[in-house]
Amino acid sequence: MSNKHEIEEELAQAESQLATLCQSEQYPTSDGNETVTIQPTCGDQMSSLREECSQLRIILEAMEASED
């Protein structure tokens, strides 16, 4: 089992990767017309990172609760 510090580092890294992917998804593509289409290209990876962040937060909350 990882210690709290390692989990916090893992969470920070996952959140950073997610933020980077979210930024890359914000640039819309245009086909030359007035219509702008946003095409998600990293949806699966973003979902996976969101799930990982959620699980790491739950672990951290449980660790903090057990310390009380």
C-alpha atoms as a PDB file:
ATOM      1  CA  MET A   1       0.000   0.000   0.000  1.00  0.00           C
ATOM      2  CA  SER A   2       1.274   3.450  -0.886  1.00  0.00           C
ATOM      3  CA  ASN A   3       1.746   6.104   1.702  1.00  0.00           C
ATOM      4  CA  LYS A   4      -0.280   9.306   1.735  1.00  0.00           C
ATOM      5  CA  HIS A   5       2.469  11.388   0.142  1.00  0.00           C
ATOM      6  CA  GLU A   6       2.803   8.995  -2.820  1.00  0.00           C
ATOM      7  CA  ILE A   7      -0.959   9.007  -3.365  1.00  0.00           C
ATOM      8  CA  GLU A   8      -1.034  12.808  -3.282  1.00  0.00           C
ATOM      9  CA  GLU A   9       1.754  12.906  -5.883  1.00  0.00           C
ATOM     10  CA  GLU A  10      -0.091  10.381  -8.037  1.00  0.00           C
ATOM     11  CA  LEU A  11      -3.286  12.454  -7.793  1.00  0.00           C
ATOM     12  CA  ALA A  12      -1.453  15.659  -8.716  1.00  0.00           C
ATOM     13  CA  GLN A  13       0.092  13.950 -11.746  1.00  0.00           C
ATOM     14  CA  ALA A  14      -3.255  12.532 -12.906  1.00  0.00           C
ATOM     15  CA  GLU A  15      -4.946  15.925 -12.448  1.00  0.00           C
ATOM     16  CA  SER A  16      -2.166  17.592 -14.434  1.00  0.00           C
ATOM     17  CA  GLN A  17      -2.532  15.096 -17.282  1.00  0.00           C
ATOM     18  CA  LEU A  18      -6.295  15.590 -17.263  1.00  0.00           C
ATOM     19  CA  ALA A  19      -5.928  19.377 -17.368  1.00  0.00           C
ATOM     20  CA  THR A  20      -3.540  19.085 -20.314  1.00  0.00           C
ATOM     21  CA  LEU A  21      -5.973  16.862 -22.212  1.00  0.00           C
ATOM     22  CA  CYS A  22      -8.884  19.189 -21.427  1.00  0.00           C
ATOM     23  CA  GLN A  23      -6.905  22.136 -22.813  1.00  0.00           C
ATOM     24  CA  SER A  24      -6.078  20.240 -25.988  1.00  0.00           C
ATOM     25  CA  GLU A  25      -9.779  19.424 -26.460  1.00  0.00           C
ATOM     26  CA  GLN A  26     -10.787  23.102 -26.290  1.00  0.00           C
ATOM     27  CA  TYR A  27      -9.525  23.972 -29.726  1.00  0.00           C
ATOM     28  CA  PRO A  28     -12.460  23.614 -32.134  1.00  0.00           C
ATOM     29  CA  THR A  29     -12.050  22.577 -35.737  1.00  0.00           C
ATOM     30  CA  SER A  30     -13.701  24.465 -38.555  1.00  0.00           C
ATOM     31  CA  ASP A  31     -14.594  23.078 -41.946  1.00  0.00           C
ATOM     32  CA  GLY A  32     -14.456  26.500 -43.624  1.00  0.00           C
ATOM     33  CA  ASN A  33     -18.121  27.300 -42.994  1.00  0.00           C
ATOM     34  CA  GLU A  34     -19.655  29.188 -40.088  1.00  0.00           C
ATOM     35  CA  THR A  35     -20.166  25.908 -38.233  1.00  0.00           C
ATOM     36  CA  VAL A  36     -17.568  25.047 -35.630  1.00  0.00           C
ATOM     37  CA  THR A  37     -17.362  21.444 -34.521  1.00  0.00           C
ATOM     38  CA  ILE A  38     -15.586  20.298 -31.402  1.00  0.00           C
ATOM     39  CA  GLN A  39     -14.316  16.784 -31.929  1.00  0.00           C
ATOM     40  CA  PRO A  40     -13.340  14.929 -28.755  1.00  0.00           C
ATOM     41  CA  THR A  41     -10.185  12.985 -29.465  1.00  0.00           C
ATOM     42  CA  CYS A  42      -9.126  11.898 -25.981  1.00  0.00           C
ATOM     43  CA  GLY A  43     -12.476  10.967 -24.451  1.00  0.00           C
ATOM     44  CA  ASP A  44     -11.513   7.503 -23.239  1.00  0.00           C
ATOM     45  CA  GLN A  45      -8.242   8.684 -21.758  1.00  0.00           C
ATOM     46  CA  MET A  46      -9.978  11.627 -20.074  1.00  0.00           C
ATOM     47  CA  SER A  47     -12.628   9.336 -18.589  1.00  0.00           C
ATOM     48  CA  SER A  48      -9.945   7.008 -17.313  1.00  0.00           C
ATOM     49  CA  LEU A  49      -8.030   9.875 -15.701  1.00  0.00           C
ATOM     50  CA  ARG A  50     -11.217  11.253 -14.109  1.00  0.00           C
ATOM     51  CA  GLU A  51     -11.952   7.824 -12.642  1.00  0.00           C
ATOM     52  CA  GLU A  52      -8.377   7.508 -11.362  1.00  0.00           C
ATOM     53  CA  CYS A  53      -8.568  10.956  -9.729  1.00  0.00           C
ATOM     54  CA  SER A  54     -11.862  10.064  -8.111  1.00  0.00           C
ATOM     55  CA  GLN A  55     -10.480   6.815  -6.699  1.00  0.00           C
ATOM     56  CA  LEU A  56      -7.348   8.518  -5.386  1.00  0.00           C
ATOM     57  CA  ARG A  57      -9.446  11.210  -3.684  1.00  0.00           C
ATOM     58  CA  ILE A  58     -11.550   8.510  -2.011  1.00  0.00           C
ATOM     59  CA  ILE A  59      -8.406   6.775  -0.755  1.00  0.00           C
ATOM     60  CA  LEU A  60      -7.036  10.054   0.607  1.00  0.00           C
ATOM     61  CA  GLU A  61     -10.329  10.855   2.337  1.00  0.00           C
ATOM     62  CA  ALA A  62     -10.355   7.409   3.921  1.00  0.00           C
ATOM     63  CA  MET A  63      -6.769   7.839   5.090  1.00  0.00           C
ATOM     64  CA  GLU A  64      -7.586  11.225   6.608  1.00  0.00           C
ATOM     65  CA  ALA A  65     -10.687   9.838   8.312  1.00  0.00           C
ATOM     66  CA  SER A  66      -8.684   6.988   9.828  1.00  0.00           C
ATOM     67  CA  GLU A  67      -6.174   9.489  11.225  1.00  0.00           C
ATOM     68  CA  ASP A  68      -8.892  11.254  13.243  1.00  0.00           C
END
